[in-house]
């Protein structure tokens, strides 16, 4: 029961991360710089999401099975979630630094 709760919680958190990537990031990137966005055009937003999608595909197609055999699925899932969390902090830090230079 404990593992089931953990996996369910991690899946919900992963769904939130995917929602942020697919919906919130394009809106934030499109907003003008005066309101805290990047004022990117649709071409840059699409390029950013394409690079993210390609990297996820490469990981799933070539690396996931090897790493899951080596580390185990649950440990690999925890490690990957930690990496995702660190990336969200990186986005936050970049946003703060870019606002300080205005």
Protein backbone atom coordinates (compact mmCIF):
# COMPACT_ATOMS: atom_id res chain seq x y z
CA UNK A 1 0.00 0.00 0.00
CA UNK A 2 2.91 2.37 0.74
CA UNK A 3 4.48 1.86 -2.68
CA UNK A 4 1.10 2.36 -4.36
CA UNK A 5 0.60 5.69 -2.57
CA UNK A 6 4.14 6.78 -3.46
CA UNK A 7 3.74 5.91 -7.13
CA UNK A 8 0.34 7.65 -7.25
CA UNK A 9 1.78 10.78 -5.65
CA UNK A 10 4.77 10.82 -8.00
CA UNK A 11 2.50 10.32 -10.99
CA UNK A 12 0.36 13.28 -9.91
CA UNK A 13 3.48 15.42 -9.54
CA UNK A 14 4.72 14.31 -12.95
CA UNK A 15 1.34 15.22 -14.45
CA UNK A 16 1.68 18.68 -12.92
CA UNK A 17 5.15 19.03 -14.45
CA UNK A 18 3.82 18.01 -17.86
CA UNK A 19 0.96 20.48 -17.53
CA UNK A 20 3.42 23.24 -16.70
CA UNK A 21 5.60 22.32 -19.67
CA UNK A 22 2.78 22.10 -22.20
CA UNK A 23 0.51 24.93 -21.06
CA UNK A 24 2.14 27.32 -18.60
CA UNK A 25 5.57 27.61 -20.25
CA UNK A 26 4.22 28.82 -23.65
CA UNK A 27 1.99 31.37 -21.96
CA UNK A 28 4.83 32.62 -19.76
CA UNK A 29 7.23 32.79 -22.69
CA UNK A 30 4.70 34.73 -24.80
CA UNK A 31 3.96 37.40 -22.14
CA UNK A 32 5.78 40.70 -22.64
CA UNK A 33 8.91 41.43 -20.61
CA UNK A 34 7.22 44.16 -18.58
CA UNK A 35 4.96 41.52 -17.02
CA UNK A 36 7.72 39.00 -16.33
CA UNK A 37 7.66 37.00 -19.55
CA UNK A 38 10.19 36.63 -22.35
CA UNK A 39 8.08 38.06 -25.19
CA UNK A 40 9.08 35.19 -27.45
CA UNK A 41 7.40 34.54 -30.77
CA UNK A 42 5.61 31.33 -31.54
CA UNK A 43 8.64 30.07 -33.48
CA UNK A 44 10.91 30.23 -30.40
CA UNK A 45 8.29 28.70 -28.14
CA UNK A 46 7.76 25.86 -30.62
CA UNK A 47 11.50 25.33 -30.92
CA UNK A 48 11.86 25.12 -27.13
CA UNK A 49 9.08 22.59 -26.83
CA UNK A 50 10.41 20.60 -29.79
CA UNK A 51 13.83 20.30 -28.20
CA UNK A 52 12.23 19.17 -24.95
CA UNK A 53 10.07 16.61 -26.75
CA UNK A 54 12.96 15.20 -28.75
CA UNK A 55 15.11 14.83 -25.65
CA UNK A 56 12.31 12.99 -23.83
CA UNK A 57 11.86 10.67 -26.83
CA UNK A 58 15.58 9.88 -26.99
CA UNK A 59 15.67 9.14 -23.27
CA UNK A 60 12.65 6.85 -23.41
CA UNK A 61 13.73 5.06 -26.58
CA UNK A 62 17.39 4.45 -25.75
CA UNK A 63 18.21 5.01 -22.08
CA UNK A 64 15.19 4.17 -19.92
CA UNK A 65 15.28 0.39 -20.28
CA UNK A 66 18.99 0.15 -19.54
CA UNK A 67 18.77 2.43 -16.51
CA UNK A 68 15.65 0.72 -15.15
CA UNK A 69 17.40 -2.67 -15.29
CA UNK A 70 20.46 -1.22 -13.58
CA UNK A 71 18.76 0.87 -10.86
CA UNK A 72 15.22 -0.48 -10.62
CA UNK A 73 12.11 1.31 -11.79
CA UNK A 74 11.18 2.99 -8.50
CA UNK A 75 14.67 4.34 -7.78
CA UNK A 76 15.01 5.57 -11.37
CA UNK A 77 11.62 7.27 -11.11
CA UNK A 78 12.67 9.02 -7.89
CA UNK A 79 15.96 10.17 -9.39
CA UNK A 80 14.30 11.49 -12.53
CA UNK A 81 11.71 13.34 -10.47
CA UNK A 82 14.54 14.98 -8.51
CA UNK A 83 16.07 16.13 -11.81
CA UNK A 84 12.71 17.56 -12.92
CA UNK A 85 12.39 19.43 -9.61
CA UNK A 86 15.88 20.88 -10.03
CA UNK A 87 14.97 22.08 -13.50
CA UNK A 88 11.98 23.97 -12.12
CA UNK A 89 14.29 25.71 -9.65
CA UNK A 90 16.64 26.56 -12.53
CA UNK A 91 13.78 28.21 -14.42
CA UNK A 92 12.87 30.20 -11.30
CA UNK A 93 16.48 31.32 -10.78
CA UNK A 94 16.85 32.35 -14.44
CA UNK A 95 13.62 34.36 -14.21
CA UNK A 96 14.87 36.16 -11.10
CA UNK A 97 18.26 36.91 -12.67
CA UNK A 98 16.70 38.18 -15.88
CA UNK A 99 14.41 40.52 -13.94
CA UNK A 100 17.37 41.92 -11.96
CA UNK A 101 19.09 43.05 -15.15
CA UNK A 102 16.17 45.26 -16.23
